[in-house]
Amino acid sequence: MRTRFVDAETGKFLQLGKETEADPFWADVFDGRFGHVVFGHQPFMDGPGVFPHATGVDTGAVFGGELTALVVDEDGREFVSVPSRKFAEPGFH
């Protein structure tokens, strides 16, 4: 939860809040060496975060977005979302 960005020069994880605009989100640069990763704790308010080797399913339910599940079966992958009411403001930990 505290390592969302990687240093643009070294590739090392950065503590949350220590990133700069040049430092990419980890899923943007993850190469899939450990398989496909499904993750949360990074809200994507406009729908799930879909990356080549990672999928973010946190769609901000606590902030009034949606609660989203990823259903994986023999036919592929599908997102199922339901609306939520707001419980906290962005920035809440």
PDB file of N, CA and C in Angstrom:
ATOM      1  N   MET A   1       0.814  -1.189   0.000  1.00  0.00           N
ATOM      2  CA  MET A   1       0.000   0.000   0.000  1.00  0.00           C
ATOM      3  C   MET A   1       0.863   1.260   0.000  1.00  0.00           C
ATOM      4  N   ARG A   2       2.058   1.169   0.481  1.00  0.00           N
ATOM      5  CA  ARG A   2       2.911   2.350   0.580  1.00  0.00           C
ATOM      6  C   ARG A   2       3.934   2.439  -0.542  1.00  0.00           C
ATOM      7  N   THR A   3       3.925   1.500  -1.461  1.00  0.00           N
ATOM      8  CA  THR A   3       4.899   1.515  -2.549  1.00  0.00           C
ATOM      9  C   THR A   3       4.172   1.487  -3.885  1.00  0.00           C
ATOM     10  N   ARG A   4       3.713   2.623  -4.328  1.00  0.00           N
ATOM     11  CA  ARG A   4       2.933   2.679  -5.559  1.00  0.00           C
ATOM     12  C   ARG A   4       3.734   3.159  -6.764  1.00  0.00           C
ATOM     13  N   PHE A   5       4.839   3.819  -6.514  1.00  0.00           N
ATOM     14  CA  PHE A   5       5.625   4.379  -7.602  1.00  0.00           C
ATOM     15  C   PHE A   5       7.045   3.847  -7.554  1.00  0.00           C
ATOM     16  N   VAL A   6       7.727   3.883  -8.697  1.00  0.00           N
ATOM     17  CA  VAL A   6       9.126   3.474  -8.758  1.00  0.00           C
ATOM     18  C   VAL A   6       9.960   4.655  -9.234  1.00  0.00           C
ATOM     19  N   ASP A   7      11.174   4.717  -8.742  1.00  0.00           N
ATOM     20  CA  ASP A   7      12.094   5.781  -9.119  1.00  0.00           C
ATOM     21  C   ASP A   7      12.392   5.665 -10.613  1.00  0.00           C
ATOM     22  N   ALA A   8      12.212   6.753 -11.344  1.00  0.00           N
ATOM     23  CA  ALA A   8      12.398   6.749 -12.797  1.00  0.00           C
ATOM     24  C   ALA A   8      13.816   6.382 -13.195  1.00  0.00           C
ATOM     25  N   GLU A   9      14.790   6.668 -12.356  1.00  0.00           N
ATOM     26  CA  GLU A   9      16.185   6.388 -12.696  1.00  0.00           C
ATOM     27  C   GLU A   9      16.663   5.030 -12.206  1.00  0.00           C
ATOM     28  N   THR A  10      16.307   4.651 -10.982  1.00  0.00           N
ATOM     29  CA  THR A  10      16.839   3.416 -10.400  1.00  0.00           C
ATOM     30  C   THR A  10      15.898   2.228 -10.523  1.00  0.00           C
ATOM     31  N   GLY A  11      14.607   2.474 -10.696  1.00  0.00           N
ATOM     32  CA  GLY A  11      13.625   1.395 -10.738  1.00  0.00           C
ATOM     33  C   GLY A  11      13.242   0.870  -9.377  1.00  0.00           C
ATOM     34  N   LYS A  12      13.769   1.460  -8.307  1.00  0.00           N
ATOM     35  CA  LYS A  12      13.451   1.012  -6.952  1.00  0.00           C
ATOM     36  C   LYS A  12      12.124   1.614  -6.500  1.00  0.00           C
ATOM     37  N   PHE A  13      11.408   0.850  -5.665  1.00  0.00           N
ATOM     38  CA  PHE A  13      10.143   1.342  -5.140  1.00  0.00           C
ATOM     39  C   PHE A  13      10.364   2.562  -4.259  1.00  0.00           C
ATOM     40  N   LEU A  14       9.406   3.474  -4.311  1.00  0.00           N
ATOM     41  CA  LEU A  14       9.441   4.689  -3.504  1.00  0.00           C
ATOM     42  C   LEU A  14       8.338   4.655  -2.462  1.00  0.00           C
ATOM     43  N   GLN A  15       8.618   5.173  -1.300  1.00  0.00           N
ATOM     44  CA  GLN A  15       7.599   5.307  -0.267  1.00  0.00           C
ATOM     45  C   GLN A  15       6.545   6.286  -0.761  1.00  0.00           C
ATOM     46  N   LEU A  16       5.279   5.986  -0.487  1.00  0.00           N
ATOM     47  CA  LEU A  16       4.181   6.846  -0.907  1.00  0.00           C
ATOM     48  C   LEU A  16       4.415   8.265  -0.417  1.00  0.00           C
ATOM     49  N   GLY A  17       4.290   9.223  -1.321  1.00  0.00           N
ATOM     50  CA  GLY A  17       4.516  10.625  -0.997  1.00  0.00           C
ATOM     51  C   GLY A  17       5.906  11.103  -1.352  1.00  0.00           C
ATOM     52  N   LYS A  18       6.814  10.185  -1.685  1.00  0.00           N
ATOM     53  CA  LYS A  18       8.190  10.544  -2.050  1.00  0.00           C
ATOM     54  C   LYS A  18       8.374  10.589  -3.567  1.00  0.00           C
ATOM     55  N   GLU A  19       7.321  10.272  -4.328  1.00  0.00           N
ATOM     56  CA  GLU A  19       7.429  10.235  -5.774  1.00  0.00           C
ATOM     57  C   GLU A  19       7.411  11.644  -6.377  1.00  0.00           C
ATOM     58  N   THR A  20       7.956  11.755  -7.584  1.00  0.00           N
ATOM     59  CA  THR A  20       7.887  12.991  -8.361  1.00  0.00           C
ATOM     60  C   THR A  20       7.024  12.716  -9.587  1.00  0.00           C
ATOM     61  N   GLU A  21       6.739  13.736 -10.372  1.00  0.00           N
ATOM     62  CA  GLU A  21       5.943  13.542 -11.582  1.00  0.00           C
ATOM     63  C   GLU A  21       6.640  12.643 -12.594  1.00  0.00           C
ATOM     64  N   ALA A  22       7.963  12.547 -12.516  1.00  0.00           N
ATOM     65  CA  ALA A  22       8.726  11.713 -13.447  1.00  0.00           C
ATOM     66  C   ALA A  22       8.701  10.235 -13.075  1.00  0.00           C
ATOM     67  N   ASP A  23       8.312   9.909 -11.845  1.00  0.00           N
ATOM     68  CA  ASP A  23       8.340   8.526 -11.372  1.00  0.00           C
ATOM     69  C   ASP A  23       7.058   7.799 -11.772  1.00  0.00           C
ATOM     70  N   PRO A  24       7.181   6.675 -12.493  1.00  0.00           N
ATOM     71  CA  PRO A  24       5.984   5.978 -12.969  1.00  0.00           C
ATOM     72  C   PRO A  24       5.296   5.157 -11.885  1.00  0.00           C
ATOM     73  N   PHE A  25       3.992   4.972 -12.078  1.00  0.00           N
ATOM     74  CA  PHE A  25       3.225   4.038 -11.254  1.00  0.00           C
ATOM     75  C   PHE A  25       3.782   2.648 -11.540  1.00  0.00           C
ATOM     76  N   TRP A  26       3.904   1.809 -10.525  1.00  0.00           N
ATOM     77  CA  TRP A  26       4.578   0.519 -10.680  1.00  0.00           C
ATOM     78  C   TRP A  26       3.968  -0.342 -11.777  1.00  0.00           C
ATOM     79  N   ALA A  27       2.640  -0.340 -11.910  1.00  0.00           N
ATOM     80  CA  ALA A  27       1.980  -1.209 -12.891  1.00  0.00           C
ATOM     81  C   ALA A  27       2.262  -0.777 -14.327  1.00  0.00           C
ATOM     82  N   ASP A  28       2.618   0.483 -14.526  1.00  0.00           N
ATOM     83  CA  ASP A  28       2.975   0.954 -15.868  1.00  0.00           C
ATOM     84  C   ASP A  28       4.264   0.324 -16.378  1.00  0.00           C
ATOM     85  N   VAL A  29       5.138  -0.070 -15.477  1.00  0.00           N
ATOM     86  CA  VAL A  29       6.444  -0.591 -15.886  1.00  0.00           C
ATOM     87  C   VAL A  29       6.660  -2.066 -15.515  1.00  0.00           C
ATOM     88  N   PHE A  30       5.725  -2.672 -14.801  1.00  0.00           N
ATOM     89  CA  PHE A  30       5.857  -4.074 -14.411  1.00  0.00           C
ATOM     90  C   PHE A  30       5.877  -4.947 -15.665  1.00  0.00           C
ATOM     91  N   ASP A  31       6.851  -5.844 -15.757  1.00  0.00           N
ATOM     92  CA  ASP A  31       7.044  -6.646 -16.970  1.00  0.00           C
ATOM     93  C   ASP A  31       6.383  -8.028 -16.933  1.00  0.00           C
ATOM     94  N   GLY A  32       5.668  -8.344 -15.888  1.00  0.00           N
ATOM     95  CA  GLY A  32       4.957  -9.610 -15.819  1.00  0.00           C
ATOM     96  C   GLY A  32       5.804 -10.792 -15.409  1.00  0.00           C
ATOM     97  N   ARG A  33       7.008 -10.563 -14.945  1.00  0.00           N
ATOM     98  CA  ARG A  33       7.908 -11.680 -14.603  1.00  0.00           C
ATOM     99  C   ARG A  33       7.345 -12.591 -13.520  1.00  0.00           C
ATOM    100  N   PHE A  34       6.391 -12.109 -12.729  1.00  0.00           N
ATOM    101  CA  PHE A  34       5.784 -12.936 -11.682  1.00  0.00           C
ATOM    102  C   PHE A  34       4.342 -13.290 -12.024  1.00  0.00           C
ATOM    103  N   GLY A  35       3.957 -13.136 -13.267  1.00  0.00           N
ATOM    104  CA  GLY A  35       2.597 -13.400 -13.700  1.00  0.00           C
ATOM    105  C   GLY A  35       1.766 -12.124 -13.687  1.00  0.00           C
ATOM    106  N   HIS A  36       0.485 -12.270 -13.917  1.00  0.00           N
ATOM    107  CA  HIS A  36      -0.435 -11.135 -13.921  1.00  0.00           C
ATOM    108  C   HIS A  36      -0.852 -10.842 -12.481  1.00  0.00           C
ATOM    109  N   VAL A  37      -0.773  -9.588 -12.076  1.00  0.00           N
ATOM    110  CA  VAL A  37      -1.073  -9.185 -10.701  1.00  0.00           C
ATOM    111  C   VAL A  37      -2.417  -8.465 -10.658  1.00  0.00           C
ATOM    112  N   VAL A  38      -3.285  -8.890  -9.749  1.00  0.00           N
ATOM    113  CA  VAL A  38      -4.545  -8.191  -9.476  1.00  0.00           C
ATOM    114  C   VAL A  38      -4.358  -7.498  -8.136  1.00  0.00           C
ATOM    115  N   PHE A  39      -4.615  -6.181  -8.102  1.00  0.00           N
ATOM    116  CA  PHE A  39      -4.296  -5.421  -6.898  1.00  0.00           C
ATOM    117  C   PHE A  39      -5.379  -4.406  -6.561  1.00  0.00           C
ATOM    118  N   GLY A  40      -5.313  -3.908  -5.322  1.00  0.00           N
ATOM    119  CA  GLY A  40      -6.192  -2.854  -4.831  1.00  0.00           C
ATOM    120  C   GLY A  40      -5.369  -1.791  -4.141  1.00  0.00           C
ATOM    121  N   HIS A  41      -6.020  -0.981  -3.333  1.00  0.00           N
ATOM    122  CA  HIS A  41      -5.399   0.094  -2.553  1.00  0.00           C
ATOM    123  C   HIS A  41      -4.850   1.221  -3.402  1.00  0.00           C
ATOM    124  N   GLN A  42      -5.269   1.298  -4.661  1.00  0.00           N
ATOM    125  CA  GLN A  42      -4.997   2.449  -5.520  1.00  0.00           C
ATOM    126  C   GLN A  42      -6.289   2.688  -6.273  1.00  0.00           C
ATOM    127  N   PRO A  43      -7.105   3.668  -5.817  1.00  0.00           N
ATOM    128  CA  PRO A  43      -8.409   3.834  -6.454  1.00  0.00           C
ATOM    129  C   PRO A  43      -8.329   4.389  -7.871  1.00  0.00           C
ATOM    130  N   PHE A  44      -9.064   3.742  -8.760  1.00  0.00           N
ATOM    131  CA  PHE A  44      -9.250   4.197 -10.137  1.00  0.00           C
ATOM    132  C   PHE A  44     -10.721   4.585 -10.249  1.00  0.00           C
ATOM    133  N   MET A  45     -11.002   5.859 -10.174  1.00  0.00           N
ATOM    134  CA  MET A  45     -12.386   6.335 -10.085  1.00  0.00           C
ATOM    135  C   MET A  45     -13.140   6.219 -11.408  1.00  0.00           C
ATOM    136  N   ASP A  46     -12.432   6.040 -12.524  1.00  0.00           N
ATOM    137  CA  ASP A  46     -13.090   5.935 -13.826  1.00  0.00           C
ATOM    138  C   ASP A  46     -13.204   4.502 -14.323  1.00  0.00           C
ATOM    139  N   GLY A  47     -13.091   3.544 -13.428  1.00  0.00           N
ATOM    140  CA  GLY A  47     -13.160   2.137 -13.811  1.00  0.00           C
ATOM    141  C   GLY A  47     -11.851   1.449 -13.501  1.00  0.00           C
ATOM    142  N   PRO A  48     -11.828   0.126 -13.566  1.00  0.00           N
ATOM    143  CA  PRO A  48     -10.627  -0.617 -13.205  1.00  0.00           C
ATOM    144  C   PRO A  48      -9.394  -0.139 -13.972  1.00  0.00           C
ATOM    145  N   GLY A  49      -8.239  -0.245 -13.310  1.00  0.00           N
ATOM    146  CA  GLY A  49      -6.977   0.089 -13.956  1.00  0.00           C
ATOM    147  C   GLY A  49      -6.462  -1.135 -14.692  1.00  0.00           C
ATOM    148  N   VAL A  50      -6.391  -1.045 -15.997  1.00  0.00           N
ATOM    149  CA  VAL A  50      -5.972  -2.189 -16.812  1.00  0.00           C
ATOM    150  C   VAL A  50      -4.607  -1.880 -17.416  1.00  0.00           C
ATOM    151  N   PHE A  51      -3.636  -2.710 -17.083  1.00  0.00           N
ATOM    152  CA  PHE A  51      -2.263  -2.570 -17.540  1.00  0.00           C
ATOM    153  C   PHE A  51      -1.878  -3.870 -18.242  1.00  0.00           C
ATOM    154  N   PRO A  52      -0.793  -3.896 -19.008  1.00  0.00           N
ATOM    155  CA  PRO A  52      -0.428  -5.135 -19.712  1.00  0.00           C
ATOM    156  C   PRO A  52      -0.262  -6.354 -18.806  1.00  0.00           C
ATOM    157  N   HIS A  53       0.293  -6.169 -17.603  1.00  0.00           N
ATOM    158  CA  HIS A  53       0.564  -7.305 -16.725  1.00  0.00           C
ATOM    159  C   HIS A  53      -0.032  -7.128 -15.326  1.00  0.00           C
ATOM    160  N   ALA A  54      -0.991  -6.228 -15.180  1.00  0.00           N
ATOM    161  CA  ALA A  54      -1.598  -5.970 -13.871  1.00  0.00           C
ATOM    162  C   ALA A  54      -2.994  -5.385 -14.063  1.00  0.00           C
ATOM    163  N   THR A  55      -3.859  -5.623 -13.057  1.00  0.00           N
ATOM    164  CA  THR A  55      -5.221  -5.093 -13.086  1.00  0.00           C
ATOM    165  C   THR A  55      -5.563  -4.548 -11.711  1.00  0.00           C
ATOM    166  N   GLY A  56      -5.931  -3.265 -11.661  1.00  0.00           N
ATOM    167  CA  GLY A  56      -6.337  -2.628 -10.418  1.00  0.00           C
ATOM    168  C   GLY A  56      -7.845  -2.644 -10.288  1.00  0.00           C
ATOM    169  N   VAL A  57      -8.353  -3.297  -9.249  1.00  0.00           N
ATOM    170  CA  VAL A  57      -9.803  -3.443  -9.082  1.00  0.00           C
ATOM    171  C   VAL A  57     -10.399  -2.490  -8.050  1.00  0.00           C
ATOM    172  N   ASP A  58      -9.585  -1.630  -7.462  1.00  0.00           N
ATOM    173  CA  ASP A  58     -10.109  -0.648  -6.504  1.00  0.00           C
ATOM    174  C   ASP A  58     -10.706   0.506  -7.307  1.00  0.00           C
ATOM    175  N   THR A  59     -12.029   0.605  -7.289  1.00  0.00           N
ATOM    176  CA  THR A  59     -12.717   1.663  -8.027  1.00  0.00           C
ATOM    177  C   THR A  59     -13.369   2.664  -7.073  1.00  0.00           C
ATOM    178  N   GLY A  60     -12.736   2.855  -5.927  1.00  0.00           N
ATOM    179  CA  GLY A  60     -13.094   3.935  -5.019  1.00  0.00           C
ATOM    180  C   GLY A  60     -14.395   3.795  -4.274  1.00  0.00           C
ATOM    181  N   ALA A  61     -14.782   2.592  -3.884  1.00  0.00           N
ATOM    182  CA  ALA A  61     -16.053   2.409  -3.178  1.00  0.00           C
ATOM    183  C   ALA A  61     -16.132   3.280  -1.931  1.00  0.00           C
ATOM    184  N   VAL A  62     -15.067   3.368  -1.176  1.00  0.00           N
ATOM    185  CA  VAL A  62     -15.084   4.159   0.061  1.00  0.00           C
ATOM    186  C   VAL A  62     -15.275   5.649  -0.222  1.00  0.00           C
ATOM    187  N   PHE A  63     -14.917   6.085  -1.434  1.00  0.00           N
ATOM    188  CA  PHE A  63     -15.042   7.498  -1.811  1.00  0.00           C
ATOM    189  C   PHE A  63     -16.320   7.784  -2.605  1.00  0.00           C
ATOM    190  N   GLY A  64     -17.227   6.810  -2.663  1.00  0.00           N
ATOM    191  CA  GLY A  64     -18.481   6.992  -3.384  1.00  0.00           C
ATOM    192  C   GLY A  64     -18.428   6.491  -4.810  1.00  0.00           C
ATOM    193  N   GLY A  65     -17.355   5.802  -5.174  1.00  0.00           N
ATOM    194  CA  GLY A  65     -17.248   5.208  -6.511  1.00  0.00           C
ATOM    195  C   GLY A  65     -18.029   3.909  -6.563  1.00  0.00           C
ATOM    196  N   GLU A  66     -17.403   2.869  -7.069  1.00  0.00           N
ATOM    197  CA  GLU A  66     -18.047   1.559  -7.155  1.00  0.00           C
ATOM    198  C   GLU A  66     -17.211   0.521  -6.413  1.00  0.00           C
ATOM    199  N   LEU A  67     -17.851  -0.600  -6.081  1.00  0.00           N
ATOM    200  CA  LEU A  67     -17.161  -1.774  -5.569  1.00  0.00           C
ATOM    201  C   LEU A  67     -17.068  -2.735  -6.746  1.00  0.00           C
ATOM    202  N   THR A  68     -15.846  -3.123  -7.095  1.00  0.00           N
ATOM    203  CA  THR A  68     -15.627  -3.914  -8.306  1.00  0.00           C
ATOM    204  C   THR A  68     -14.958  -5.231  -7.991  1.00  0.00           C
ATOM    205  N   ALA A  69     -15.428  -6.274  -8.676  1.00  0.00           N
ATOM    206  CA  ALA A  69     -14.815  -7.598  -8.615  1.00  0.00           C
ATOM    207  C   ALA A  69     -14.347  -7.970 -10.010  1.00  0.00           C
ATOM    208  N   LEU A  70     -13.302  -8.766 -10.076  1.00  0.00           N
ATOM    209  CA  LEU A  70     -12.826  -9.318 -11.333  1.00  0.00           C
ATOM    210  C   LEU A  70     -13.189 -10.798 -11.337  1.00  0.00           C
ATOM    211  N   VAL A  71     -14.007 -11.205 -12.288  1.00  0.00           N
ATOM    212  CA  VAL A  71     -14.420 -12.598 -12.418  1.00  0.00           C
ATOM    213  C   VAL A  71     -13.566 -13.214 -13.521  1.00  0.00           C
ATOM    214  N   VAL A  72     -12.837 -14.265 -13.170  1.00  0.00           N
ATOM    215  CA  VAL A  72     -11.975 -14.963 -14.125  1.00  0.00           C
ATOM    216  C   VAL A  72     -12.506 -16.384 -14.286  1.00  0.00           C
ATOM    217  N   ASP A  73     -12.811 -16.770 -15.517  1.00  0.00           N
ATOM    218  CA  ASP A  73     -13.260 -18.134 -15.775  1.00  0.00           C
ATOM    219  C   ASP A  73     -12.722 -18.591 -17.128  1.00  0.00           C
ATOM    220  N   GLU A  74     -13.202 -19.739 -17.596  1.00  0.00           N
ATOM    221  CA  GLU A  74     -12.688 -20.294 -18.851  1.00  0.00           C
ATOM    222  C   GLU A  74     -12.984 -19.404 -20.065  1.00  0.00           C
ATOM    223  N   ASP A  75     -13.945 -18.505 -19.950  1.00  0.00           N
ATOM    224  CA  ASP A  75     -14.283 -17.605 -21.055  1.00  0.00           C
ATOM    225  C   ASP A  75     -13.472 -16.312 -21.036  1.00  0.00           C
ATOM    226  N   GLY A  76     -12.682 -16.111 -20.004  1.00  0.00           N
ATOM    227  CA  GLY A  76     -11.876 -14.889 -19.931  1.00  0.00           C
ATOM    228  C   GLY A  76     -12.098 -14.152 -18.629  1.00  0.00           C
ATOM    229  N   ARG A  77     -12.010 -12.829 -18.722  1.00  0.00           N
ATOM    230  CA  ARG A  77     -12.156 -11.976 -17.535  1.00  0.00           C
ATOM    231  C   ARG A  77     -13.297 -10.990 -17.744  1.00  0.00           C
ATOM    232  N   GLU A  78     -13.989 -10.702 -16.643  1.00  0.00           N
ATOM    233  CA  GLU A  78     -15.111  -9.763 -16.683  1.00  0.00           C
ATOM    234  C   GLU A  78     -15.127  -8.979 -15.369  1.00  0.00           C
ATOM    235  N   PHE A  79     -15.412  -7.693 -15.459  1.00  0.00           N
ATOM    236  CA  PHE A  79     -15.562  -6.870 -14.265  1.00  0.00           C
ATOM    237  C   PHE A  79     -17.035  -6.780 -13.909  1.00  0.00           C
ATOM    238  N   VAL A  80     -17.315  -6.882 -12.613  1.00  0.00           N
ATOM    239  CA  VAL A  80     -18.673  -6.701 -12.105  1.00  0.00           C
ATOM    240  C   VAL A  80     -18.591  -5.618 -11.036  1.00  0.00           C
ATOM    241  N   SER A  81     -19.383  -4.547 -11.215  1.00  0.00           N
ATOM    242  CA  SER A  81     -19.330  -3.412 -10.288  1.00  0.00           C
ATOM    243  C   SER A  81     -20.719  -3.060  -9.787  1.00  0.00           C
ATOM    244  N   VAL A  82     -20.769  -2.587  -8.549  1.00  0.00           N
ATOM    245  CA  VAL A  82     -22.005  -2.085  -7.970  1.00  0.00           C
ATOM    246  C   VAL A  82     -21.719  -0.709  -7.371  1.00  0.00           C
ATOM    247  N   PRO A  83     -22.709   0.189  -7.368  1.00  0.00           N
ATOM    248  CA  PRO A  83     -22.493   1.521  -6.802  1.00  0.00           C
ATOM    249  C   PRO A  83     -22.272   1.473  -5.296  1.00  0.00           C
ATOM    250  N   SER A  84     -21.656   2.520  -4.795  1.00  0.00           N
ATOM    251  CA  SER A  84     -21.404   2.633  -3.359  1.00  0.00           C
ATOM    252  C   SER A  84     -21.777   4.037  -2.907  1.00  0.00           C
ATOM    253  N   ARG A  85     -21.967   4.194  -1.620  1.00  0.00           N
ATOM    254  CA  ARG A  85     -22.142   5.540  -1.080  1.00  0.00           C
ATOM    255  C   ARG A  85     -20.803   5.990  -0.505  1.00  0.00           C
ATOM    256  N   LYS A  86     -20.644   7.268  -0.352  1.00  0.00           N
ATOM    257  CA  LYS A  86     -19.380   7.838   0.112  1.00  0.00           C
ATOM    258  C   LYS A  86     -19.227   7.671   1.618  1.00  0.00           C
ATOM    259  N   PHE A  87     -18.076   7.140   2.031  1.00  0.00           N
ATOM    260  CA  PHE A  87     -17.755   6.967   3.441  1.00  0.00           C
ATOM    261  C   PHE A  87     -16.588   7.845   3.877  1.00  0.00           C
ATOM    262  N   ALA A  88     -15.751   8.274   2.920  1.00  0.00           N
ATOM    263  CA  ALA A  88     -14.557   9.051   3.256  1.00  0.00           C
ATOM    264  C   ALA A  88     -14.183   9.930   2.071  1.00  0.00           C
ATOM    265  N   GLU A  89     -13.335  10.893   2.345  1.00  0.00           N
ATOM    266  CA  GLU A  89     -12.814  11.772   1.312  1.00  0.00           C
ATOM    267  C   GLU A  89     -11.483  11.215   0.800  1.00  0.00           C
ATOM    268  N   PRO A  90     -11.150  11.456  -0.475  1.00  0.00           N
ATOM    269  CA  PRO A  90      -9.817  11.039  -0.965  1.00  0.00           C
ATOM    270  C   PRO A  90      -8.728  11.601  -0.059  1.00  0.00           C
ATOM    271  N   GLY A  91      -7.674  10.815   0.145  1.00  0.00           N
ATOM    272  CA  GLY A  91      -6.608  11.183   1.057  1.00  0.00           C
ATOM    273  C   GLY A  91      -6.746  10.487   2.388  1.00  0.00           C
ATOM    274  N   PHE A  92      -7.916   9.879   2.642  1.00  0.00           N
ATOM    275  CA  PHE A  92      -8.165   9.110   3.863  1.00  0.00           C
ATOM    276  C   PHE A  92      -7.268   7.880   3.879  1.00  0.00           C
ATOM    277  N   HIS A  93      -6.656   7.558   5.015  1.00  0.00           N
ATOM    278  CA  HIS A  93      -5.803   6.345   5.125  1.00  0.00           C
ATOM    279  C   HIS A  93      -6.379   5.429   6.168  1.00  0.00           C
TER     280      HIS A  93
END
